[in-house]
Amino acid sequence: MTVAAGMAVETAMSLRWFFALLALGALIFTAAVAQARSAPDSFADLAQQLLPGVVNISTTQNVEEESITGEEDLDQFFKDFFERQRRQNPQQRRMTSLGSGFVIDPTGYIVTNNHVIAEADEITVRFHDDTELKATLVGSDDKTDLALLKVESTKPIASLGWGDSDALRIGDWVLAIGNPFGLGGTVTAGIVSARNRILDQGGPYDDYIQTDASINRGNSGGPLFNMAGEVIGVNTLIYSNNAGGSVGIGFAIPSAMAKNVTEQIREYGKPRRGWLGVRIQTVNEELAEGLRLPEARGALVANVTSGGPAEKAGIKQGDVILKFDGKEVNQMRTLPRMVAETPIKKKVDVLVVRQGTEMNFQVELGELTEEAEQASLQTGPEATSPAAKEGKIAALGLTLSEISGSLREKFSLTAEAKGVVVTDVEQNSAAAEKGLNPGDVIVEVDQQAVATPGDVDKRVVEAKERGYRVVTLLLFRGGDYQWVALRIDRS
């Protein structure tokens, strides 16, 4: 075979491989497109199947009239007269509100929003066939804005089933059914616009599904469905214009949370949440640098409840929680939800980083009660009040003093305050930029306790010598703890 012939054979073989790979790529692309979900031709069959399980909820509240218009202009004799009349014949007016809900059990259990039925004296449920039944409140939870109702019926009640909200993807089709503006059963469709939304006006366990399906006033408490007809969310909030109408952004509580909360309400009359016994804050970029972390992630422990599960396990103030029960804690806001959804008394592994070293602790969770929440706000043991010794830390722009009795009185410091008190903040300094004020108490610098201005200066000098640009301060302010990262002035 000649050289030219050999090259021709090689070229032909290369072309075969090229076209084979091209064909394989086309097949993979075609398979991927085939897996994508196309828009349904109609939602009619699905809506017909689901509408009987969705209900309209109306509530009434009797409100006693406070006063009579113009009564403030009457003399005392007539004021006393009207007051006696009110006591003998109390005047009341009935306030009404409208919302939505859905039957989750054929025996008559109905899920809705807490704000739909809050403070109601009477709750009426109207079904798709216009049947009306009085409902009783089984229990509610204002932290997740969920409530569970119960009706008694002599005939079977159509019910709906929970779906898996964790399986939702951005772009999936969803269907919302509710009672907007009191119009009755109304069906709207859209897609999942976003996941894991956290809102400023929300609660401590926010994890909303965002959708562009039209949700308006009156849709609250109604279900959000996937295309299998399963409830994957409870419609709760909207971004609205001045008229209160939909602008294409609505929010639903994921079914993973709603199912867990309502099942606990059904069993115990209230939700039962796990309790770790820590107060936490976000690890931002500056704090990550000050804590000598490679990246900003996790939940920084600002305070550990005395006698709580975390303290018993060995977790300390200043630890950064990276994993809880095997799950990554990428954002601070995810940890409270993880803890709350974990069964009480379960032993979980908690991975923390402490001064650059990863450590694992096994914690047996307690139950989050009102007493436990109050205990989380309590601080450590009472501190002593030594004679005041002042010092200026030029690199931070702070003048500091040891805590004395006179400074406690001047800055209204509680007995729990221990450390070094800020007596002056230099204008335009790093401390001023971060909002430090006279009366703030510095408890730790770079996770080491300080008792004198000299201790603070030593920590700052050490940080500068190691080439760090920031130090972290643990502040005690207004009875609470907070971590702050301050830039070191190197001038």
Protein backbone atom coordinates (compact mmCIF):
# COMPACT_ATOMS: atom_id res chain seq x y z
CA MET A 1 0.00 0.00 0.00
CA THR A 2 1.35 3.41 -0.95
CA VAL A 3 1.74 6.25 1.54
CA ALA A 4 -1.05 8.14 -0.21
CA ALA A 5 -3.35 5.14 -0.01
CA GLY A 6 -2.57 4.70 3.69
CA MET A 7 -3.39 8.33 4.39
CA ALA A 8 -6.66 7.98 2.50
CA VAL A 9 -7.63 4.97 4.65
CA GLU A 10 -6.76 6.86 7.85
CA THR A 11 -8.80 9.85 6.69
CA ALA A 12 -11.80 7.65 5.92
CA MET A 13 -11.59 5.98 9.35
CA SER A 14 -11.34 9.36 11.05
CA LEU A 15 -14.40 10.58 9.21
CA ARG A 16 -16.32 7.48 10.27
CA TRP A 17 -15.45 8.09 13.92
CA PHE A 18 -16.38 11.77 13.56
CA PHE A 19 -19.81 11.02 12.11
CA ALA A 20 -20.36 8.25 14.66
CA LEU A 21 -19.64 10.65 17.52
CA LEU A 22 -21.83 13.29 15.88
CA ALA A 23 -24.69 10.79 15.64
CA LEU A 24 -24.21 9.76 19.27
CA GLY A 25 -24.29 13.41 20.35
CA ALA A 26 -27.48 13.94 18.39
CA LEU A 27 -29.06 10.92 20.12
CA ILE A 28 -28.07 12.24 23.57
CA PHE A 29 -29.47 15.68 22.73
CA THR A 30 -32.70 14.14 21.43
CA ALA A 31 -33.04 12.05 24.62
CA ALA A 32 -32.51 15.15 26.78
CA VAL A 33 -35.16 17.07 24.86
CA ALA A 34 -37.52 14.10 25.16
CA GLN A 35 -37.12 14.17 28.95
CA ALA A 36 -38.07 17.87 29.17
CA ARG A 37 -41.71 18.34 30.16
CA SER A 38 -43.79 20.10 27.54
CA ALA A 39 -46.74 22.34 28.37
CA PRO A 40 -49.96 20.36 28.73
CA ASP A 41 -52.63 20.85 26.06
CA SER A 42 -55.17 21.50 28.81
CA PHE A 43 -55.46 21.50 32.60
CA ALA A 44 -59.17 20.63 32.41
CA ASP A 45 -58.96 16.96 33.42
CA LEU A 46 -56.60 17.74 36.29
CA ALA A 47 -58.73 20.64 37.53
CA GLN A 48 -61.89 18.52 37.41
CA GLN A 49 -60.16 15.86 39.49
CA LEU A 50 -58.82 18.31 42.11
CA LEU A 51 -61.56 20.92 42.60
CA PRO A 52 -63.73 18.78 44.94
CA GLY A 53 -60.86 18.61 47.46
CA VAL A 54 -60.39 22.39 47.67
CA VAL A 55 -62.62 24.44 49.99
CA ASN A 56 -63.48 28.06 50.65
CA ILE A 57 -63.11 29.22 54.23
CA SER A 58 -64.97 32.14 55.78
CA THR A 59 -64.56 33.30 59.35
CA THR A 60 -66.43 35.71 61.58
CA GLN A 61 -65.17 37.54 64.61
CA ASN A 62 -67.34 39.38 67.10
CA VAL A 63 -65.72 42.67 68.08
CA GLU A 64 -67.13 44.73 70.92
CA GLU A 65 -67.45 48.42 70.14
CA GLU A 66 -64.93 50.43 72.13
CA SER A 67 -66.61 53.80 72.18
CA ILE A 68 -69.29 56.02 70.71
CA THR A 69 -68.24 58.66 68.20
CA GLY A 70 -67.98 62.06 69.85
CA GLU A 71 -68.08 60.62 73.37
CA GLU A 72 -64.87 62.43 74.26
CA ASP A 73 -66.81 65.72 74.01
CA LEU A 74 -69.40 64.69 76.62
CA ASP A 75 -69.17 65.65 80.27
CA GLN A 76 -68.48 63.02 82.94
CA PHE A 77 -72.16 62.43 83.77
CA PHE A 78 -72.98 61.29 80.24
CA LYS A 79 -69.73 59.31 79.91
CA ASP A 80 -70.69 57.32 83.02
CA PHE A 81 -74.18 56.82 81.59
CA PHE A 82 -72.91 55.38 78.28
CA GLU A 83 -70.41 53.18 80.11
CA ARG A 84 -73.26 51.63 82.19
CA GLN A 85 -75.25 51.11 78.99
CA ARG A 86 -72.35 49.31 77.32
CA ARG A 87 -71.93 46.97 80.26
CA GLN A 88 -75.64 46.11 80.24
CA ASN A 89 -76.01 45.90 76.43
CA PRO A 90 -72.60 45.31 74.87
CA GLN A 91 -72.55 46.40 71.25
CA GLN A 92 -70.81 44.06 68.83
CA ARG A 93 -70.03 44.04 65.17
CA ARG A 94 -69.10 41.03 63.06
CA MET A 95 -65.87 41.07 61.09
CA THR A 96 -65.48 38.54 58.28
CA SER A 97 -62.54 37.24 56.30
CA LEU A 98 -62.21 34.85 53.39
CA GLY A 99 -59.56 32.33 52.46
CA SER A 100 -58.93 28.87 51.06
CA GLY A 101 -58.04 25.41 52.28
CA PHE A 102 -57.95 21.79 51.18
CA VAL A 103 -59.06 18.44 52.58
CA ILE A 104 -56.10 16.25 53.42
CA ASP A 105 -58.02 13.35 54.99
CA PRO A 106 -61.48 11.99 54.02
CA THR A 107 -62.48 12.02 57.71
CA GLY A 108 -62.66 15.83 57.47
CA TYR A 109 -59.22 17.28 58.26
CA ILE A 110 -58.55 20.52 56.38
CA VAL A 111 -55.29 22.45 55.98
CA THR A 112 -55.20 26.23 55.69
CA ASN A 113 -53.11 29.24 56.76
CA ASN A 114 -53.04 30.37 60.36
CA HIS A 115 -53.67 33.98 59.31
CA VAL A 116 -56.92 32.91 57.58
CA ILE A 117 -58.51 31.69 60.82
CA ALA A 118 -56.60 33.68 63.45
CA GLU A 119 -58.86 35.03 66.24
CA ALA A 120 -61.98 33.69 64.51
CA ASP A 121 -65.06 33.05 66.63
CA GLU A 122 -66.72 30.98 63.91
CA ILE A 123 -65.26 29.11 60.92
CA THR A 124 -67.39 28.00 57.98
CA VAL A 125 -66.14 25.70 55.22
CA ARG A 126 -67.87 25.69 51.82
CA PHE A 127 -67.19 22.76 49.50
CA HIS A 128 -67.20 22.64 45.71
CA ASP A 129 -70.81 21.37 45.67
CA ASP A 130 -71.83 24.40 47.84
CA THR A 131 -72.23 22.28 50.98
CA GLU A 132 -71.40 24.36 54.07
CA LEU A 133 -70.11 22.91 57.35
CA LYS A 134 -68.94 24.46 60.58
CA ALA A 135 -65.30 23.73 61.39
CA THR A 136 -63.39 23.46 64.65
CA LEU A 137 -59.77 24.42 65.04
CA VAL A 138 -57.54 21.44 65.84
CA GLY A 139 -54.44 23.58 66.22
CA SER A 140 -52.28 26.19 64.52
CA ASP A 141 -48.70 27.39 64.22
CA ASP A 142 -47.91 31.06 63.69
CA LYS A 143 -44.21 30.37 62.95
CA THR A 144 -45.05 28.53 59.72
CA ASP A 145 -48.50 30.13 59.24
CA LEU A 146 -50.29 26.77 59.14
CA ALA A 147 -53.53 25.59 60.74
CA LEU A 148 -55.54 22.37 60.82
CA LEU A 149 -59.35 22.32 60.90
CA LYS A 150 -61.86 19.51 61.37
CA VAL A 151 -65.39 19.17 59.98
CA GLU A 152 -67.97 16.46 60.61
CA SER A 153 -69.85 15.13 57.58
CA THR A 154 -72.49 12.46 57.06
CA LYS A 155 -71.21 11.72 53.54
CA PRO A 156 -67.75 10.94 52.14
CA ILE A 157 -65.44 13.94 51.62
CA ALA A 158 -63.12 14.17 48.63
CA SER A 159 -59.52 14.52 49.79
CA LEU A 160 -56.12 15.30 48.30
CA GLY A 161 -52.69 13.76 48.80
CA TRP A 162 -49.30 15.25 49.63
CA GLY A 163 -46.55 15.30 47.01
CA ASP A 164 -42.78 15.63 47.29
CA SER A 165 -41.84 19.31 47.21
CA ASP A 166 -38.14 18.40 47.37
CA ALA A 167 -38.46 16.86 43.89
CA LEU A 168 -39.64 20.16 42.36
CA ARG A 169 -37.41 21.84 39.81
CA ILE A 170 -37.39 25.47 38.72
CA GLY A 171 -39.49 25.58 35.56
CA ASP A 172 -41.89 22.76 36.51
CA TRP A 173 -45.56 23.37 35.80
CA VAL A 174 -47.82 23.93 38.83
CA LEU A 175 -51.53 24.51 39.36
CA ALA A 176 -53.09 26.71 42.07
CA ILE A 177 -56.72 26.47 43.21
CA GLY A 178 -58.32 28.85 45.69
CA ASN A 179 -60.86 31.51 46.54
CA PRO A 180 -59.42 34.82 45.24
CA PHE A 181 -61.39 37.90 46.29
CA GLY A 182 -64.17 35.59 47.53
CA LEU A 183 -65.09 34.55 43.97
CA GLY A 184 -65.08 30.83 44.74
CA GLY A 185 -63.09 27.95 43.26
CA THR A 186 -60.63 29.45 40.79
CA VAL A 187 -57.88 27.61 38.89
CA THR A 188 -54.63 29.26 37.77
CA ALA A 189 -51.49 27.75 36.27
CA GLY A 190 -47.84 28.69 36.07
CA ILE A 191 -44.36 27.40 36.75
CA VAL A 192 -42.02 27.16 39.71
CA SER A 193 -40.08 30.43 39.46
CA ALA A 194 -37.63 29.81 42.32
CA ARG A 195 -36.96 27.54 45.29
CA ASN A 196 -35.84 28.09 48.90
CA ARG A 197 -37.00 31.71 49.06
CA ILE A 198 -36.44 33.49 52.39
CA LEU A 199 -38.46 36.69 52.93
CA ASP A 200 -37.87 39.57 55.32
CA GLN A 201 -41.49 39.49 56.50
CA GLY A 202 -41.50 35.73 56.91
CA GLY A 203 -40.78 33.49 59.89
CA PRO A 204 -37.74 31.61 61.24
CA TYR A 205 -38.38 28.54 59.08
CA ASP A 206 -38.94 30.18 55.69
CA ASP A 207 -38.28 27.99 52.66
CA TYR A 208 -40.86 29.20 50.15
CA ILE A 209 -41.63 27.92 46.68
CA GLN A 210 -41.98 30.92 44.35
CA THR A 211 -44.45 30.65 41.47
CA ASP A 212 -45.91 32.84 38.74
CA ALA A 213 -49.29 31.08 38.93
CA SER A 214 -51.76 33.87 39.72
CA ILE A 215 -52.28 34.02 43.48
CA ASN A 216 -54.40 36.81 44.97
CA ARG A 217 -56.05 37.78 48.24
CA GLY A 218 -58.28 34.90 49.22
CA ASN A 219 -55.94 32.27 47.77
CA SER A 220 -54.21 32.03 51.16
CA GLY A 221 -54.31 28.49 52.51
CA GLY A 222 -55.13 26.95 49.13
CA PRO A 223 -53.09 24.16 47.54
CA LEU A 224 -50.36 24.32 44.90
CA PHE A 225 -50.29 21.14 42.78
CA ASN A 226 -47.77 19.38 40.59
CA MET A 227 -48.87 17.80 37.32
CA ALA A 228 -49.53 14.49 39.11
CA GLY A 229 -52.29 16.21 41.10
CA GLU A 230 -50.34 16.10 44.38
CA VAL A 231 -50.18 18.98 46.86
CA ILE A 232 -46.62 20.27 46.81
CA GLY A 233 -47.28 23.62 48.54
CA VAL A 234 -49.68 25.77 50.56
CA ASN A 235 -50.20 29.21 48.97
CA THR A 236 -49.41 31.82 51.60
CA LEU A 237 -47.92 35.13 50.42
CA ILE A 238 -47.90 37.41 47.38
CA TYR A 239 -45.97 40.39 46.13
CA SER A 240 -48.74 42.78 45.23
CA ASN A 241 -49.50 46.15 43.66
CA ASN A 242 -51.38 48.90 45.51
CA ALA A 243 -54.70 47.36 44.53
CA GLY A 244 -53.78 44.06 46.16
CA GLY A 245 -53.76 42.10 42.90
CA SER A 246 -51.29 39.55 41.59
CA VAL A 247 -48.12 40.75 39.86
CA GLY A 248 -46.98 37.25 39.02
CA ILE A 249 -44.97 36.49 42.16
CA GLY A 250 -46.53 34.25 44.79
CA PHE A 251 -45.10 32.06 47.55
CA ALA A 252 -46.11 28.67 48.90
CA ILE A 253 -45.03 26.69 51.98
CA PRO A 254 -43.39 23.46 50.70
CA SER A 255 -45.33 20.26 51.34
CA ALA A 256 -42.30 18.76 53.11
CA MET A 257 -42.76 21.33 55.87
CA ALA A 258 -46.56 21.60 55.77
CA LYS A 259 -47.08 17.85 56.01
CA ASN A 260 -44.75 17.53 58.99
CA VAL A 261 -46.30 20.46 60.90
CA THR A 262 -49.95 19.51 60.28
CA GLU A 263 -49.36 15.86 61.21
CA GLN A 264 -47.87 16.98 64.51
CA ILE A 265 -50.78 19.36 65.10
CA ARG A 266 -53.16 16.48 64.45
CA GLU A 267 -51.34 14.23 66.92
CA TYR A 268 -50.35 16.69 69.64
CA GLY A 269 -52.51 19.79 69.02
CA LYS A 270 -49.35 21.78 68.24
CA PRO A 271 -46.05 21.28 66.41
CA ARG A 272 -43.19 19.72 68.35
CA ARG A 273 -39.79 20.94 67.20
CA GLY A 274 -36.25 19.86 67.89
CA TRP A 275 -34.09 22.22 69.95
CA LEU A 276 -30.31 22.59 69.78
CA GLY A 277 -29.88 25.38 72.33
CA VAL A 278 -27.77 27.90 70.41
CA ARG A 279 -28.19 31.39 69.00
CA ILE A 280 -26.55 31.74 65.60
CA GLN A 281 -25.66 34.38 63.03
CA THR A 282 -24.57 34.53 59.40
CA VAL A 283 -20.94 34.04 58.42
CA ASN A 284 -20.24 36.84 55.92
CA GLU A 285 -17.01 37.32 53.98
CA GLU A 286 -15.41 39.53 56.64
CA LEU A 287 -16.33 37.20 59.49
CA ALA A 288 -15.00 34.24 57.50
CA GLU A 289 -11.66 36.03 57.15
CA GLY A 290 -11.66 37.02 60.81
CA LEU A 291 -12.47 33.45 61.85
CA ARG A 292 -9.74 32.19 59.50
CA LEU A 293 -12.19 30.17 57.40
CA PRO A 294 -11.47 29.39 53.73
CA GLU A 295 -14.98 30.48 52.68
CA ALA A 296 -18.13 32.11 54.07
CA ARG A 297 -20.46 29.28 55.02
CA GLY A 298 -22.05 27.66 58.03
CA ALA A 299 -23.74 29.11 61.11
CA LEU A 300 -21.69 31.00 63.70
CA VAL A 301 -22.65 30.26 67.31
CA ALA A 302 -23.22 33.60 69.04
CA ASN A 303 -24.50 32.14 72.30
CA VAL A 304 -24.94 28.71 73.88
CA THR A 305 -27.88 28.14 76.21
CA SER A 306 -26.77 27.09 79.67
CA GLY A 307 -27.82 23.48 80.28
CA GLY A 308 -29.08 23.08 76.70
CA PRO A 309 -28.35 20.15 74.34
CA ALA A 310 -25.46 21.91 72.57
CA GLU A 311 -23.67 22.84 75.80
CA LYS A 312 -24.05 19.32 77.16
CA ALA A 313 -22.47 17.95 73.98
CA GLY A 314 -19.51 20.37 74.15
CA ILE A 315 -20.39 22.98 71.51
CA LYS A 316 -19.07 26.43 72.43
CA GLN A 317 -19.61 30.09 71.61
CA GLY A 318 -17.59 30.93 68.49
CA ASP A 319 -17.93 27.48 66.87
CA VAL A 320 -19.08 27.52 63.25
CA ILE A 321 -21.57 24.73 62.50
CA LEU A 322 -20.81 23.22 59.08
CA LYS A 323 -22.95 20.06 59.12
CA PHE A 324 -26.04 18.96 61.03
CA ASP A 325 -27.15 15.32 60.97
CA GLY A 326 -25.08 14.73 57.84
CA LYS A 327 -26.53 17.73 55.95
CA GLU A 328 -24.42 20.67 54.82
CA VAL A 329 -25.22 23.99 56.51
CA ASN A 330 -24.37 26.29 53.61
CA GLN A 331 -26.44 29.19 54.95
CA MET A 332 -27.23 30.17 58.52
CA ARG A 333 -30.99 30.31 57.82
CA THR A 334 -31.12 26.62 56.88
CA LEU A 335 -30.01 25.37 60.31
CA PRO A 336 -33.12 26.35 62.36
CA ARG A 337 -35.31 24.52 59.86
CA MET A 338 -33.09 21.42 59.94
CA VAL A 339 -33.19 21.35 63.74
CA ALA A 340 -36.93 22.03 63.96
CA GLU A 341 -37.76 19.17 61.59
CA THR A 342 -35.59 16.65 63.45
CA PRO A 343 -37.36 14.35 65.95
CA ILE A 344 -36.99 15.22 69.62
CA LYS A 345 -34.41 13.12 71.52
CA LYS A 346 -32.75 12.01 68.31
CA LYS A 347 -28.96 11.87 68.58
CA VAL A 348 -27.40 13.76 65.69
CA ASP A 349 -23.82 14.45 64.61
CA VAL A 350 -22.90 18.14 64.47
CA LEU A 351 -19.68 19.08 62.66
CA VAL A 352 -18.12 22.41 63.71
CA VAL A 353 -14.91 24.25 63.05
CA ARG A 354 -13.27 25.72 66.16
CA GLN A 355 -10.29 28.01 65.68
CA GLY A 356 -9.36 26.29 62.45
CA THR A 357 -9.93 22.70 63.63
CA GLU A 358 -12.92 20.59 62.60
CA MET A 359 -14.60 18.79 65.49
CA ASN A 360 -17.61 16.47 65.62
CA PHE A 361 -20.13 16.36 68.47
CA GLN A 362 -23.10 14.08 69.05
CA VAL A 363 -26.07 16.03 70.36
CA GLU A 364 -29.33 14.65 71.73
CA LEU A 365 -31.95 17.20 70.69
CA GLY A 366 -34.39 18.64 73.19
CA GLU A 367 -37.87 20.04 72.55
CA LEU A 368 -38.30 23.67 71.59
CA THR A 369 -40.72 25.06 74.19
CA GLU A 370 -41.42 28.64 75.23
CA GLU A 371 -39.17 28.08 78.22
CA ALA A 372 -36.39 26.79 75.95
CA GLU A 373 -36.72 29.83 73.69
CA GLN A 374 -36.46 32.14 76.69
CA ALA A 375 -33.46 30.21 77.97
CA SER A 376 -31.73 30.76 74.61
CA LEU A 377 -31.86 34.49 75.29
CA GLN A 378 -30.23 34.17 78.70
CA THR A 379 -26.54 34.91 79.04
CA GLY A 380 -23.72 33.55 81.15
CA PRO A 381 -22.94 33.90 84.85
CA GLU A 382 -22.61 37.21 86.61
CA ALA A 383 -19.32 39.04 86.06
CA THR A 384 -17.27 40.96 88.57
CA SER A 385 -16.67 44.73 88.32
CA PRO A 386 -12.96 45.50 88.72
CA ALA A 387 -11.54 49.01 88.97
CA ALA A 388 -11.60 50.74 85.57
CA LYS A 389 -8.41 50.82 83.46
CA GLU A 390 -8.61 52.57 80.10
CA GLY A 391 -6.67 52.14 76.90
CA LYS A 392 -6.91 53.22 73.26
CA ILE A 393 -6.68 50.68 70.41
CA ALA A 394 -5.70 52.95 67.50
CA ALA A 395 -5.81 50.13 64.92
CA LEU A 396 -9.56 49.70 65.59
CA GLY A 397 -10.44 53.31 66.45
CA LEU A 398 -11.69 52.36 69.92
CA THR A 399 -11.14 53.56 73.46
CA LEU A 400 -11.78 50.76 75.92
CA SER A 401 -12.06 50.30 79.66
CA GLU A 402 -12.37 47.49 82.13
CA ILE A 403 -15.89 47.29 83.51
CA SER A 404 -16.51 49.13 86.77
CA GLY A 405 -19.59 49.77 88.87
CA SER A 406 -19.81 53.35 87.60
CA LEU A 407 -19.58 52.23 83.95
CA ARG A 408 -22.26 49.61 84.53
CA GLU A 409 -24.52 52.37 85.82
CA LYS A 410 -23.56 54.84 83.08
CA PHE A 411 -24.21 52.41 80.20
CA SER A 412 -26.99 50.41 81.94
CA LEU A 413 -24.94 47.22 81.69
CA THR A 414 -26.52 44.12 83.19
CA ALA A 415 -24.72 41.90 85.64
CA GLU A 416 -24.13 39.39 82.82
CA ALA A 417 -21.86 41.80 80.90
CA LYS A 418 -18.23 40.72 81.12
CA GLY A 419 -15.20 41.76 79.10
CA VAL A 420 -14.08 45.25 78.04
CA VAL A 421 -16.50 48.14 77.56
CA VAL A 422 -16.25 50.62 74.68
CA THR A 423 -16.10 54.17 76.03
CA ASP A 424 -15.39 56.04 72.78
CA VAL A 425 -15.45 55.36 69.03
CA GLU A 426 -13.26 57.36 66.63
CA GLN A 427 -15.11 58.92 63.72
CA ASN A 428 -14.51 57.36 60.28
CA SER A 429 -12.84 54.34 61.88
CA ALA A 430 -13.57 50.70 61.03
CA ALA A 431 -15.44 50.43 64.35
CA ALA A 432 -17.64 53.42 63.48
CA GLU A 433 -18.42 51.93 60.06
CA LYS A 434 -19.62 48.73 61.73
CA GLY A 435 -21.87 50.62 64.16
CA LEU A 436 -19.96 50.12 67.41
CA ASN A 437 -21.07 52.51 70.14
CA PRO A 438 -20.00 53.48 73.67
CA GLY A 439 -21.53 50.93 76.01
CA ASP A 440 -20.87 47.94 73.74
CA VAL A 441 -18.95 45.23 75.60
CA ILE A 442 -16.18 43.26 73.84
CA VAL A 443 -16.21 39.72 75.25
CA GLU A 444 -13.77 38.00 72.88
CA VAL A 445 -11.26 38.93 70.18
CA ASP A 446 -10.55 36.23 67.61
CA GLN A 447 -12.39 33.75 69.85
CA GLN A 448 -10.22 34.46 72.88
CA ALA A 449 -11.68 36.04 76.03
CA VAL A 450 -10.51 39.54 76.94
CA ALA A 451 -10.68 41.26 80.34
CA THR A 452 -8.55 44.39 79.81
CA PRO A 453 -7.79 46.84 76.98
CA GLY A 454 -4.32 45.30 76.95
CA ASP A 455 -5.81 41.90 76.09
CA VAL A 456 -7.56 43.44 73.09
CA ASP A 457 -4.38 45.22 71.95
CA LYS A 458 -2.42 41.96 72.21
CA ARG A 459 -4.91 40.10 70.01
CA VAL A 460 -4.83 42.87 67.39
CA VAL A 461 -1.01 42.92 67.33
CA GLU A 462 -0.94 39.12 66.93
CA ALA A 463 -3.38 39.32 64.01
CA LYS A 464 -1.27 42.02 62.30
CA GLU A 465 1.94 40.03 62.75
CA ARG A 466 0.32 37.01 61.10
CA GLY A 467 -0.74 39.12 58.13
CA TYR A 468 -4.49 39.12 58.83
CA ARG A 469 -6.55 42.11 57.70
CA VAL A 470 -9.44 41.73 60.14
CA VAL A 471 -10.18 40.61 63.69
CA THR A 472 -13.47 39.27 64.99
CA LEU A 473 -15.10 40.74 68.08
CA LEU A 474 -17.78 39.02 70.15
CA LEU A 475 -19.97 41.90 71.36
CA PHE A 476 -22.46 41.91 74.21
CA ARG A 477 -25.09 44.56 73.43
CA GLY A 478 -28.57 45.02 74.87
CA GLY A 479 -28.52 41.64 76.59
CA ASP A 480 -27.54 39.76 73.43
CA TYR A 481 -24.38 38.50 71.72
CA GLN A 482 -23.20 39.32 68.21
CA TRP A 483 -20.03 38.66 66.19
CA VAL A 484 -18.53 41.59 64.24
CA ALA A 485 -15.49 41.62 61.93
CA LEU A 486 -13.33 44.79 62.02
CA ARG A 487 -10.64 45.81 59.58
CA ILE A 488 -7.24 46.55 61.15
CA ASP A 489 -5.91 50.01 60.39
CA ARG A 490 -2.28 49.45 59.33
CA SER A 491 -1.32 53.12 59.01
